Amino acid sequence: MNSLFMLLQINVADSLNTTVTEAGEITLSFWELAIKGGWIMVPILFLSFVAVYIFFERYFAIKRASQTDINFMNKIKDYIHDDKIDSAMALCQSTNSPVARMIEKGLQRIGRPLNDINAAIETVGNLEITTLEKSLPMLATVSGAAPMIGFLGTVMGMIRAFYDMSNAGNNIDVGLLSNGIYTAMVTTVAGLMVGILAYLAYNILVAKVEKVIFQLEANTSEFMDLLNEPVE
């Protein structure tokens, strides 16, 4: 009976030791995992910083571009009806927005054919859209490049694991293969994480740019309708 009790105590102690060991493995920090990924984690980390910078820089730039005084076009309409073109020009120059710069170009062309005015406004609008989309191609590149670099790390890690295994001969040990497997798995996860987040960020910014484009088109149409109104 005593022997059975002692055996149970030994089994419980072994279980506790195993749990502690497993807990120690679970609490492996992010930075320790990143280090195990090897040097291939450096470009992935760099791409993550690039993606974060581009997202926040473009997000606030596009947000500023989309903020226009709701009474801006009403004031422009009143100035044109009162034949106060200079006042309308001054209002556009004091307003820092793509809509104001487009309307200013249209006001500068008043007196010319409407097609020329519309073409001038569209040219400025295309320049404004190009400015808003600045760095978005780089963000799209990050979303594709990061997973590819991660897969490169996977291949390199597996090559290392097989190389270590071939050198070990019959003395194959799991610990011997761990470095290569860590590199393979960690770089894959890191690359996919950066790629997915960059892809989501890119689509969020594209949606916001399209919203601004819709606003520009609506204001341009309103301005051209204003110029097409018959003179009383």
Protein backbone atom coordinates (compact mmCIF):
# COMPACT_ATOMS: atom_id res chain seq x y z
CA MET A 1 0.00 0.00 0.00
CA ASN A 2 2.80 2.39 0.93
CA SER A 3 4.60 1.50 -2.29
CA LEU A 4 1.47 2.36 -4.32
CA PHE A 5 1.15 5.71 -2.50
CA MET A 6 4.78 6.57 -3.18
CA LEU A 7 4.34 5.65 -6.85
CA LEU A 8 1.37 7.98 -7.11
CA GLN A 9 3.40 10.79 -5.51
CA ILE A 10 6.21 10.27 -8.05
CA ASN A 11 3.72 10.36 -10.96
CA VAL A 12 2.10 13.56 -9.66
CA ALA A 13 5.52 15.20 -9.26
CA ASP A 14 6.47 14.22 -12.79
CA SER A 15 3.22 15.68 -14.08
CA LEU A 16 3.86 18.94 -12.27
CA ASN A 17 7.37 19.16 -13.66
CA THR A 18 6.05 18.56 -17.15
CA THR A 19 3.44 21.28 -16.71
CA VAL A 20 6.05 23.75 -15.54
CA THR A 21 8.23 22.89 -18.51
CA GLU A 22 5.34 23.30 -20.89
CA ALA A 23 4.40 26.58 -19.24
CA GLY A 24 7.96 27.78 -19.70
CA GLU A 25 7.75 26.98 -23.39
CA ILE A 26 4.40 28.74 -23.75
CA THR A 27 5.73 31.95 -22.18
CA LEU A 28 8.39 32.29 -24.88
CA SER A 29 8.38 36.01 -25.64
CA PHE A 30 7.75 37.57 -29.04
CA TRP A 31 11.29 38.92 -29.27
CA GLU A 32 12.78 35.52 -28.48
CA LEU A 33 10.72 34.03 -31.28
CA ALA A 34 11.77 36.84 -33.62
CA ILE A 35 15.43 36.16 -32.84
CA LYS A 36 14.92 32.49 -33.60
CA GLY A 37 13.65 33.53 -37.03
CA GLY A 38 17.17 34.66 -37.94
CA TRP A 39 18.33 37.56 -40.08
CA ILE A 40 15.41 37.14 -42.48
CA MET A 41 13.25 38.79 -39.80
CA VAL A 42 15.12 42.08 -40.32
CA PRO A 43 13.60 42.91 -43.75
CA ILE A 44 10.18 41.73 -42.55
CA LEU A 45 10.43 44.02 -39.54
CA PHE A 46 11.56 46.88 -41.79
CA LEU A 47 8.57 46.34 -44.09
CA SER A 48 6.24 46.39 -41.09
CA PHE A 49 7.57 49.82 -40.06
CA VAL A 50 7.20 51.08 -43.64
CA ALA A 51 3.59 49.84 -43.77
CA VAL A 52 2.67 51.46 -40.45
CA TYR A 53 4.25 54.78 -41.44
CA ILE A 54 2.56 54.89 -44.85
CA PHE A 55 -0.84 53.96 -43.43
CA PHE A 56 -0.96 56.65 -40.76
CA GLU A 57 0.68 59.33 -42.92
CA ARG A 58 -1.76 58.73 -45.82
CA TYR A 59 -4.74 58.22 -43.51
CA PHE A 60 -4.45 61.68 -41.97
CA ALA A 61 -3.54 63.30 -45.31
CA ILE A 62 -6.64 61.85 -46.97
CA LYS A 63 -8.75 62.77 -43.96
CA ARG A 64 -7.60 66.41 -44.24
CA ALA A 65 -8.37 66.41 -47.96
CA SER A 66 -11.91 65.15 -47.37
CA GLN A 67 -12.73 67.87 -44.83
CA THR A 68 -14.37 70.73 -46.71
CA ASP A 69 -16.62 73.50 -45.43
CA ILE A 70 -20.19 72.46 -46.21
CA ASN A 71 -20.96 76.09 -47.10
CA PHE A 72 -17.97 76.42 -49.45
CA MET A 73 -19.90 75.83 -52.66
CA ASN A 74 -22.78 78.01 -51.45
CA LYS A 75 -20.37 80.90 -50.94
CA ILE A 76 -18.83 80.32 -54.39
CA LYS A 77 -22.32 80.31 -55.89
CA ASP A 78 -23.22 83.59 -54.18
CA TYR A 79 -19.99 85.26 -55.29
CA ILE A 80 -20.51 84.21 -58.91
CA HIS A 81 -24.11 85.37 -58.92
CA ASP A 82 -22.97 88.73 -57.53
CA ASP A 83 -20.16 88.83 -60.14
CA LYS A 84 -17.54 88.85 -57.37
CA ILE A 85 -15.00 86.59 -59.05
CA ASP A 86 -12.11 88.07 -57.09
CA SER A 87 -13.83 87.28 -53.80
CA ALA A 88 -14.45 83.72 -54.97
CA MET A 89 -10.78 83.41 -55.94
CA ALA A 90 -9.73 84.73 -52.52
CA LEU A 91 -11.97 82.18 -50.80
CA CYS A 92 -10.42 79.33 -52.81
CA GLN A 93 -6.89 80.53 -52.05
CA SER A 94 -7.61 80.69 -48.32
CA THR A 95 -9.08 77.17 -48.30
CA ASN A 96 -6.51 74.36 -48.27
CA SER A 97 -8.40 71.53 -49.97
CA PRO A 98 -8.42 69.77 -53.35
CA VAL A 99 -11.92 71.09 -54.08
CA ALA A 100 -10.82 74.68 -53.53
CA ARG A 101 -7.82 74.30 -55.84
CA MET A 102 -9.99 72.77 -58.56
CA ILE A 103 -12.61 75.51 -58.31
CA GLU A 104 -9.86 78.15 -58.32
CA LYS A 105 -8.55 76.79 -61.62
CA GLY A 106 -12.08 76.90 -63.02
CA LEU A 107 -12.54 80.50 -61.90
CA GLN A 108 -9.29 81.45 -63.61
CA ARG A 109 -10.72 80.09 -66.88
CA ILE A 110 -14.05 81.92 -66.72
CA GLY A 111 -14.73 83.57 -70.08
CA ARG A 112 -13.36 80.64 -72.05
CA PRO A 113 -15.42 77.78 -73.52
CA LEU A 114 -16.93 75.46 -70.94
CA ASN A 115 -15.01 72.50 -72.34
CA ASP A 116 -11.73 74.30 -71.66
CA ILE A 117 -12.85 75.11 -68.10
CA ASN A 118 -13.86 71.51 -67.50
CA ALA A 119 -10.58 70.19 -68.92
CA ALA A 120 -8.56 72.54 -66.68
CA ILE A 121 -10.51 71.42 -63.61
CA GLU A 122 -10.03 67.75 -64.51
CA THR A 123 -6.28 68.28 -64.89
CA VAL A 124 -6.02 69.75 -61.41
CA GLY A 125 -8.25 66.97 -60.08
CA ASN A 126 -5.99 64.30 -61.54
CA LEU A 127 -2.98 65.95 -59.89
CA GLU A 128 -4.80 66.05 -56.55
CA ILE A 129 -5.75 62.37 -56.82
CA THR A 130 -2.17 61.46 -57.67
CA THR A 131 -1.04 63.31 -54.54
CA LEU A 132 -3.58 61.48 -52.40
CA GLU A 133 -2.48 58.11 -53.80
CA LYS A 134 1.18 58.80 -53.08
CA SER A 135 2.91 55.83 -51.40
CA LEU A 136 -0.09 53.53 -51.88
CA PRO A 137 1.81 51.46 -54.49
CA MET A 138 4.57 50.98 -51.90
CA LEU A 139 2.00 49.74 -49.39
CA ALA A 140 0.67 47.29 -51.99
CA THR A 141 4.24 46.14 -52.60
CA VAL A 142 4.72 45.49 -48.87
CA SER A 143 1.54 43.41 -48.77
CA GLY A 144 2.98 41.15 -51.46
CA ALA A 145 6.68 41.22 -50.60
CA ALA A 146 6.40 40.42 -46.87
CA PRO A 147 4.81 36.95 -47.35
CA MET A 148 7.31 36.17 -50.11
CA ILE A 149 10.23 37.02 -47.83
CA GLY A 150 8.61 34.89 -45.12
CA PHE A 151 8.40 31.95 -47.53
CA LEU A 152 12.04 32.50 -48.41
CA GLY A 153 12.84 32.14 -44.72
CA THR A 154 10.77 28.95 -44.67
CA VAL A 155 12.81 27.41 -47.48
CA MET A 156 16.08 28.50 -45.87
CA GLY A 157 15.01 27.07 -42.51
CA MET A 158 14.05 23.71 -44.01
CA ILE A 159 17.33 23.56 -45.92
CA ARG A 160 19.17 24.19 -42.67
CA ALA A 161 17.15 21.52 -40.88
CA PHE A 162 17.86 18.90 -43.57
CA TYR A 163 21.53 19.91 -43.65
CA ASP A 164 21.87 19.45 -39.89
CA MET A 165 20.04 16.15 -40.12
CA SER A 166 22.35 14.86 -42.85
CA ASN A 167 25.43 15.82 -40.84
CA ALA A 168 24.09 14.16 -37.71
CA GLY A 169 24.03 10.72 -39.32
CA ASN A 170 22.39 8.23 -36.97
CA ASN A 171 22.56 10.63 -33.99
CA ILE A 172 19.49 12.64 -34.99
CA ASP A 173 18.12 14.76 -32.16
CA VAL A 174 15.06 17.01 -32.14
CA GLY A 175 17.11 19.82 -30.64
CA LEU A 176 19.46 19.61 -33.58
CA LEU A 177 16.62 20.36 -36.00
CA SER A 178 14.92 23.03 -33.87
CA ASN A 179 16.88 26.01 -35.21
CA GLY A 180 15.97 25.32 -38.81
CA ILE A 181 12.33 24.58 -37.97
CA TYR A 182 12.07 27.75 -35.88
CA THR A 183 13.42 29.80 -38.79
CA ALA A 184 10.96 28.15 -41.19
CA MET A 185 7.86 28.62 -39.05
CA VAL A 186 8.57 32.02 -37.47
CA THR A 187 9.44 33.75 -40.75
CA THR A 188 6.31 32.36 -42.39
CA VAL A 189 4.05 33.64 -39.63
CA ALA A 190 5.77 37.04 -39.50
CA GLY A 191 5.64 37.51 -43.27
CA LEU A 192 1.97 36.56 -43.45
CA MET A 193 1.06 38.85 -40.55
CA VAL A 194 2.78 41.87 -42.11
CA GLY A 195 1.37 41.06 -45.54
CA ILE A 196 -2.21 40.68 -44.33
CA LEU A 197 -2.13 43.89 -42.27
CA ALA A 198 -0.56 45.83 -45.16
CA TYR A 199 -3.21 44.48 -47.54
CA LEU A 200 -6.03 45.56 -45.22
CA ALA A 201 -4.42 48.98 -44.73
CA TYR A 202 -4.08 49.41 -48.50
CA ASN A 203 -7.75 48.66 -49.12
CA ILE A 204 -8.85 50.99 -46.33
CA LEU A 205 -6.87 53.86 -47.87
CA VAL A 206 -8.11 53.07 -51.39
CA ALA A 207 -11.71 53.22 -50.13
CA LYS A 208 -11.07 56.60 -48.51
CA VAL A 209 -9.45 57.95 -51.70
CA GLU A 210 -12.45 56.83 -53.74
CA LYS A 211 -14.72 58.68 -51.34
CA VAL A 212 -12.69 61.87 -51.86
CA ILE A 213 -12.82 61.37 -55.64
CA PHE A 214 -16.61 61.15 -55.44
CA GLN A 215 -16.70 64.43 -53.51
CA LEU A 216 -14.44 66.11 -56.08
CA GLU A 217 -16.62 64.93 -58.95
CA ALA A 218 -19.78 66.11 -57.19
CA ASN A 219 -18.35 69.58 -56.54
CA THR A 220 -16.99 69.85 -60.08
CA SER A 221 -20.39 68.96 -61.50
CA GLU A 222 -22.05 71.55 -59.25
CA PHE A 223 -19.59 74.22 -60.36
CA MET A 224 -20.09 73.43 -64.06
CA ASP A 225 -23.87 73.52 -63.60
CA LEU A 226 -23.43 76.91 -61.98
CA LEU A 227 -21.55 78.21 -65.03
CA ASN A 228 -24.24 76.74 -67.32
CA GLU A 229 -27.03 78.66 -65.61
CA PRO A 230 -28.60 81.26 -67.86
CA VAL A 231 -27.66 84.86 -67.14
CA GLU A 232 -30.57 86.77 -65.69
